[in-house]
Every structure is written in structure tokens, then in C-alpha cells.
Amino acid sequence: MPDPNEIVTVVNRTSKMLHGTHDGRPYDLLPGESQYPLYKAYFFRYQNPVMGRGTPLEDWSSKSEYLIAIKELGDDCSPIEQTDAPQRWDSQMVNGPNVEVIRPRGGGFVPERLPAGTSGVVDSGFTKP
């Protein structure tokens, strides 16, 4: 297992600046190569997936695609751009002919507003369907 404090080469595979966060501190990752400790590089990679690809099962294996690559781990460093997909996984790959959408029974939780001049929210419970 590699040393988590080892300095590695982080590759932003896109032509745009990407962002990563570690311990509440934001980092700007410019296109191309930069140097970071391995433990931060992992965070940056997992925070920048290619959207609309794969399934949750693939995400737990080595088939996931990321906009950030770590050279020393043998990641694919070829250029790629982010898709315009609104979600991380391709739901068409997950859904099949036996998929059924089950709507919730009962009502939903709705907080009750207090009169003007007061602050906060009163827990009024659930609404009827």
C-alpha cells in the first residue's frame, strides 16, 4: 500500500479548472499536472466524477471514470471533458423492464411557519395526503 503522504502527480484531464476540497479547504485544480499528497489526491479524484456514466455497482469497482487522474497509480490521463448529464449514474442502465416506481404512502413533512416578528420553525408534524 502506498504511503498516503507521498507526493503524487495529479492530472486535471479537462481544459477547465476543477475544484476539490479537503478538510474544509477549497483547492483550484488547473488543467494539466500538479503535485499533492496522495491522501488529498484521492479526495480530489472522487469529488470529480464523469457525470452520466456507469452504474452504482461499477462505481464500487475500478470501472469508474474521473476527471482527475493520479499518474503514480496508473490512472488514465488522456484528455476528457465533463458531460452535461444532471446525475452521476446513467439511470437508463440501472432501470430495466421489471422496474416499478413506488410512490410514498401517506403525507410528507411540512414545517409550520411562525407569525411575523418571530423567528424559527414550529414542528407541526405530517400533512395528510
C-alpha atoms as a PDB file:
ATOM      1  CA  MET A   1       0.000   0.000   0.000  1.00  0.00           C
ATOM      2  CA  PRO A   2       1.435   3.399  -0.961  1.00  0.00           C
ATOM      3  CA  ASP A   3       2.327   5.959   1.692  1.00  0.00           C
ATOM      4  CA  PRO A   4      -0.620   8.422   1.974  1.00  0.00           C
ATOM      5  CA  ASN A   5       1.812  11.313   2.497  1.00  0.00           C
ATOM      6  CA  GLU A   6       3.736  10.563  -0.706  1.00  0.00           C
ATOM      7  CA  ILE A   7       3.657  13.454  -3.172  1.00  0.00           C
ATOM      8  CA  VAL A   8       1.982  12.333  -6.395  1.00  0.00           C
ATOM      9  CA  THR A   9       1.183  13.851  -9.781  1.00  0.00           C
ATOM     10  CA  VAL A  10      -2.462  14.885 -10.041  1.00  0.00           C
ATOM     11  CA  VAL A  11      -3.694  15.361 -13.613  1.00  0.00           C
ATOM     12  CA  ASN A  12      -6.722  17.522 -14.403  1.00  0.00           C
ATOM     13  CA  ARG A  13      -7.805  15.788 -17.617  1.00  0.00           C
ATOM     14  CA  THR A  14     -10.132  18.632 -18.707  1.00  0.00           C
ATOM     15  CA  SER A  15      -9.497  22.005 -20.308  1.00  0.00           C
ATOM     16  CA  LYS A  16     -11.226  23.809 -17.419  1.00  0.00           C
ATOM     17  CA  MET A  17     -10.313  24.467 -13.810  1.00  0.00           C
ATOM     18  CA  LEU A  18     -11.733  21.868 -11.409  1.00  0.00           C
ATOM     19  CA  HIS A  19     -12.314  22.225  -7.702  1.00  0.00           C
ATOM     20  CA  GLY A  20     -11.555  19.942  -4.788  1.00  0.00           C
ATOM     21  CA  THR A  21     -11.991  20.210  -1.036  1.00  0.00           C
ATOM     22  CA  HIS A  22     -10.020  18.658   1.777  1.00  0.00           C
ATOM     23  CA  ASP A  23     -10.562  19.408   5.477  1.00  0.00           C
ATOM     24  CA  GLY A  24     -12.861  22.279   4.535  1.00  0.00           C
ATOM     25  CA  ARG A  25     -10.202  23.993   2.437  1.00  0.00           C
ATOM     26  CA  PRO A  26     -11.022  24.574  -1.245  1.00  0.00           C
ATOM     27  CA  TYR A  27      -8.413  23.855  -3.918  1.00  0.00           C
ATOM     28  CA  ASP A  28      -8.382  25.026  -7.534  1.00  0.00           C
ATOM     29  CA  LEU A  29      -7.008  22.366  -9.860  1.00  0.00           C
ATOM     30  CA  LEU A  30      -5.741  23.932 -13.067  1.00  0.00           C
ATOM     31  CA  PRO A  31      -5.713  21.916 -16.307  1.00  0.00           C
ATOM     32  CA  GLY A  32      -2.650  19.701 -16.580  1.00  0.00           C
ATOM     33  CA  GLU A  33      -0.380  18.349 -13.866  1.00  0.00           C
ATOM     34  CA  SER A  34       0.110  19.448 -10.264  1.00  0.00           C
ATOM     35  CA  GLN A  35       1.628  17.909  -7.143  1.00  0.00           C
ATOM     36  CA  TYR A  36      -0.288  16.945  -3.983  1.00  0.00           C
ATOM     37  CA  PRO A  37      -0.015  14.355  -1.204  1.00  0.00           C
ATOM     38  CA  LEU A  38      -1.721  11.080  -2.120  1.00  0.00           C
ATOM     39  CA  TYR A  39      -4.401  11.388   0.567  1.00  0.00           C
ATOM     40  CA  LYS A  40      -5.567  14.730  -0.911  1.00  0.00           C
ATOM     41  CA  ALA A  41      -5.341  13.408  -4.460  1.00  0.00           C
ATOM     42  CA  TYR A  42      -7.834  10.650  -3.622  1.00  0.00           C
ATOM     43  CA  PHE A  43     -10.324  13.232  -2.348  1.00  0.00           C
ATOM     44  CA  PHE A  44      -9.918  15.376  -5.458  1.00  0.00           C
ATOM     45  CA  ARG A  45     -10.411  12.390  -7.766  1.00  0.00           C
ATOM     46  CA  TYR A  46     -13.575  11.119  -6.070  1.00  0.00           C
ATOM     47  CA  GLN A  47     -15.053  14.634  -5.950  1.00  0.00           C
ATOM     48  CA  ASN A  48     -14.787  14.982  -9.741  1.00  0.00           C
ATOM     49  CA  PRO A  49     -16.549  12.046 -11.433  1.00  0.00           C
ATOM     50  CA  VAL A  50     -17.591  11.998 -15.072  1.00  0.00           C
ATOM     51  CA  MET A  51     -21.354  12.527 -14.871  1.00  0.00           C
ATOM     52  CA  GLY A  52     -23.909  10.244 -16.526  1.00  0.00           C
ATOM     53  CA  ARG A  53     -21.627   7.227 -16.779  1.00  0.00           C
ATOM     54  CA  GLY A  54     -21.814   3.792 -15.271  1.00  0.00           C
ATOM     55  CA  THR A  55     -23.963   2.363 -12.512  1.00  0.00           C
ATOM     56  CA  PRO A  56     -23.641   2.249  -8.721  1.00  0.00           C
ATOM     57  CA  LEU A  57     -22.239  -1.286  -8.947  1.00  0.00           C
ATOM     58  CA  GLU A  58     -19.499  -0.146 -11.321  1.00  0.00           C
ATOM     59  CA  ASP A  59     -18.752   2.793  -9.054  1.00  0.00           C
ATOM     60  CA  TRP A  60     -17.529   0.379  -6.388  1.00  0.00           C
ATOM     61  CA  SER A  61     -15.002  -1.143  -8.732  1.00  0.00           C
ATOM     62  CA  SER A  62     -12.228   0.084 -10.978  1.00  0.00           C
ATOM     63  CA  LYS A  63     -14.623   0.902 -13.854  1.00  0.00           C
ATOM     64  CA  SER A  64     -15.454   4.412 -12.599  1.00  0.00           C
ATOM     65  CA  GLU A  65     -14.314   7.398 -14.647  1.00  0.00           C
ATOM     66  CA  TYR A  66     -12.970  10.571 -13.110  1.00  0.00           C
ATOM     67  CA  LEU A  67     -11.857  13.976 -14.400  1.00  0.00           C
ATOM     68  CA  ILE A  68      -8.837  13.777 -12.090  1.00  0.00           C
ATOM     69  CA  ALA A  69      -6.144  11.133 -12.566  1.00  0.00           C
ATOM     70  CA  ILE A  70      -3.273  10.101 -10.315  1.00  0.00           C
ATOM     71  CA  LYS A  71      -0.284   9.238 -12.504  1.00  0.00           C
ATOM     72  CA  GLU A  72       1.552   7.068  -9.985  1.00  0.00           C
ATOM     73  CA  LEU A  73      -1.494   4.794  -9.612  1.00  0.00           C
ATOM     74  CA  GLY A  74      -1.693   4.159 -13.349  1.00  0.00           C
ATOM     75  CA  ASP A  75      -4.934   6.111 -13.897  1.00  0.00           C
ATOM     76  CA  ASP A  76      -5.978   7.019 -17.431  1.00  0.00           C
ATOM     77  CA  CYS A  77      -4.524  10.503 -18.050  1.00  0.00           C
ATOM     78  CA  SER A  78      -5.978  11.028 -21.529  1.00  0.00           C
ATOM     79  CA  PRO A  79      -7.952  14.254 -22.106  1.00  0.00           C
ATOM     80  CA  ILE A  80     -11.682  14.174 -21.327  1.00  0.00           C
ATOM     81  CA  GLU A  81     -14.431  16.749 -20.742  1.00  0.00           C
ATOM     82  CA  GLN A  82     -17.375  16.772 -18.370  1.00  0.00           C
ATOM     83  CA  THR A  83     -20.724  15.729 -19.845  1.00  0.00           C
ATOM     84  CA  ASP A  84     -23.930  17.709 -19.459  1.00  0.00           C
ATOM     85  CA  ALA A  85     -25.650  14.864 -17.585  1.00  0.00           C
ATOM     86  CA  PRO A  86     -27.528  16.046 -14.475  1.00  0.00           C
ATOM     87  CA  GLN A  87     -26.690  12.991 -12.370  1.00  0.00           C
ATOM     88  CA  ARG A  88     -23.682  10.835 -11.690  1.00  0.00           C
ATOM     89  CA  TRP A  89     -25.053   7.485 -12.867  1.00  0.00           C
ATOM     90  CA  ASP A  90     -26.795   6.634 -16.114  1.00  0.00           C
ATOM     91  CA  SER A  91     -30.238   5.688 -14.813  1.00  0.00           C
ATOM     92  CA  GLN A  92     -31.107   4.077 -18.158  1.00  0.00           C
ATOM     93  CA  MET A  93     -28.501   1.408 -17.380  1.00  0.00           C
ATOM     94  CA  VAL A  94     -29.984   0.779 -13.933  1.00  0.00           C
ATOM     95  CA  ASN A  95     -33.660   0.681 -14.969  1.00  0.00           C
ATOM     96  CA  GLY A  96     -34.980  -2.336 -16.771  1.00  0.00           C
ATOM     97  CA  PRO A  97     -38.252  -3.948 -17.837  1.00  0.00           C
ATOM     98  CA  ASN A  98     -39.037  -5.060 -14.266  1.00  0.00           C
ATOM     99  CA  VAL A  99     -38.589  -1.648 -12.649  1.00  0.00           C
ATOM    100  CA  GLU A 100     -41.557  -0.240 -10.776  1.00  0.00           C
ATOM    101  CA  VAL A 101     -41.689   3.211  -9.193  1.00  0.00           C
ATOM    102  CA  ILE A 102     -43.286   3.041  -5.749  1.00  0.00           C
ATOM    103  CA  ARG A 103     -44.729   6.322  -4.507  1.00  0.00           C
ATOM    104  CA  PRO A 104     -44.671   7.001  -0.747  1.00  0.00           C
ATOM    105  CA  ARG A 105     -47.844   6.300   1.211  1.00  0.00           C
ATOM    106  CA  GLY A 106     -49.159   8.982   3.485  1.00  0.00           C
ATOM    107  CA  GLY A 107     -48.232  12.627   3.567  1.00  0.00           C
ATOM    108  CA  GLY A 108     -44.997  14.499   3.663  1.00  0.00           C
ATOM    109  CA  PHE A 109     -43.449  16.512   6.441  1.00  0.00           C
ATOM    110  CA  VAL A 110     -44.250  20.237   6.263  1.00  0.00           C
ATOM    111  CA  PRO A 111     -42.934  22.692   8.883  1.00  0.00           C
ATOM    112  CA  GLU A 112     -45.367  25.375  10.013  1.00  0.00           C
ATOM    113  CA  ARG A 113     -44.228  28.996   9.815  1.00  0.00           C
ATOM    114  CA  LEU A 114     -44.460  31.233  12.881  1.00  0.00           C
ATOM    115  CA  PRO A 115     -46.281  34.568  12.799  1.00  0.00           C
ATOM    116  CA  ALA A 116     -44.420  37.633  11.529  1.00  0.00           C
ATOM    117  CA  GLY A 117     -41.982  39.088  14.018  1.00  0.00           C
ATOM    118  CA  THR A 118     -40.874  35.733  15.426  1.00  0.00           C
ATOM    119  CA  SER A 119     -38.087  33.514  14.273  1.00  0.00           C
ATOM    120  CA  GLY A 120     -37.742  29.790  13.849  1.00  0.00           C
ATOM    121  CA  VAL A 121     -39.930  26.953  12.644  1.00  0.00           C
ATOM    122  CA  VAL A 122     -42.529  25.020  14.628  1.00  0.00           C
ATOM    123  CA  ASP A 123     -42.620  21.251  14.125  1.00  0.00           C
ATOM    124  CA  SER A 124     -46.221  20.683  13.091  1.00  0.00           C
ATOM    125  CA  GLY A 125     -45.809  17.044  12.132  1.00  0.00           C
ATOM    126  CA  PHE A 126     -47.054  15.436   8.969  1.00  0.00           C
ATOM    127  CA  THR A 127     -49.687  16.535   6.474  1.00  0.00           C
ATOM    128  CA  LYS A 128     -52.474  14.309   5.248  1.00  0.00           C
ATOM    129  CA  PRO A 129     -52.229  13.046   1.660  1.00  0.00           C
END
